[in-house]
């Protein structure tokens, strides 16, 4: 049960950070790079919770 809560919290944090990146005054290319970094870090942390790593 705690794994599901951890996955849910991680997913919500990823969504929140992506939303905040959209609000930043960055040019389009930089915004895409930051979004890709956030998504990669989020996927790695979700895989860690699922005991893949």
Protein backbone atom coordinates (compact mmCIF):
# COMPACT_ATOMS: atom_id res chain seq x y z
CA UNK A 1 0.00 0.00 0.00
CA UNK A 2 2.81 2.43 0.80
CA UNK A 3 4.33 1.78 -2.64
CA UNK A 4 1.12 2.94 -4.30
CA UNK A 5 1.08 6.09 -2.20
CA UNK A 6 4.73 6.77 -3.07
CA UNK A 7 4.02 6.28 -6.77
CA UNK A 8 1.01 8.60 -6.58
CA UNK A 9 2.98 11.30 -4.76
CA UNK A 10 5.83 11.02 -7.26
CA UNK A 11 3.40 11.31 -10.17
CA UNK A 12 1.77 14.37 -8.63
CA UNK A 13 5.15 16.02 -8.05
CA UNK A 14 6.12 15.38 -11.68
CA UNK A 15 2.89 16.95 -12.89
CA UNK A 16 3.35 19.94 -10.57
CA UNK A 17 6.94 20.54 -11.71
CA UNK A 18 5.92 20.28 -15.37
CA UNK A 19 3.16 22.81 -14.75
CA UNK A 20 5.61 25.15 -13.03
CA UNK A 21 8.04 24.83 -15.94
CA UNK A 22 5.24 25.94 -18.26
CA UNK A 23 4.80 29.05 -16.12
CA UNK A 24 8.49 30.04 -16.32
CA UNK A 25 9.50 32.73 -18.81
CA UNK A 26 11.79 30.50 -20.88
CA UNK A 27 12.16 30.22 -24.62
CA UNK A 28 10.64 27.18 -26.32
CA UNK A 29 13.82 25.14 -26.77
CA UNK A 30 14.95 25.57 -23.15
CA UNK A 31 11.45 24.69 -21.90
CA UNK A 32 11.51 21.44 -23.91
CA UNK A 33 14.90 20.51 -22.48
CA UNK A 34 13.77 21.14 -18.91
CA UNK A 35 10.55 19.17 -19.49
CA UNK A 36 12.52 16.23 -20.90
CA UNK A 37 14.86 16.26 -17.89
CA UNK A 38 11.91 16.32 -15.46
CA UNK A 39 10.17 13.46 -17.28
CA UNK A 40 13.35 11.34 -17.36
CA UNK A 41 13.98 11.89 -13.64
CA UNK A 42 10.33 11.10 -12.92
CA UNK A 43 10.40 7.86 -14.91
CA UNK A 44 13.60 6.76 -13.19
CA UNK A 45 12.11 7.45 -9.75
CA UNK A 46 8.90 5.59 -10.63
CA UNK A 47 10.92 2.61 -11.86
CA UNK A 48 12.89 2.69 -8.62
CA UNK A 49 9.64 2.44 -6.65
CA UNK A 50 8.62 -0.53 -8.76
CA UNK A 51 11.94 -2.20 -7.87
CA UNK A 52 13.22 -2.30 -11.44
CA UNK A 53 16.48 -0.62 -10.34
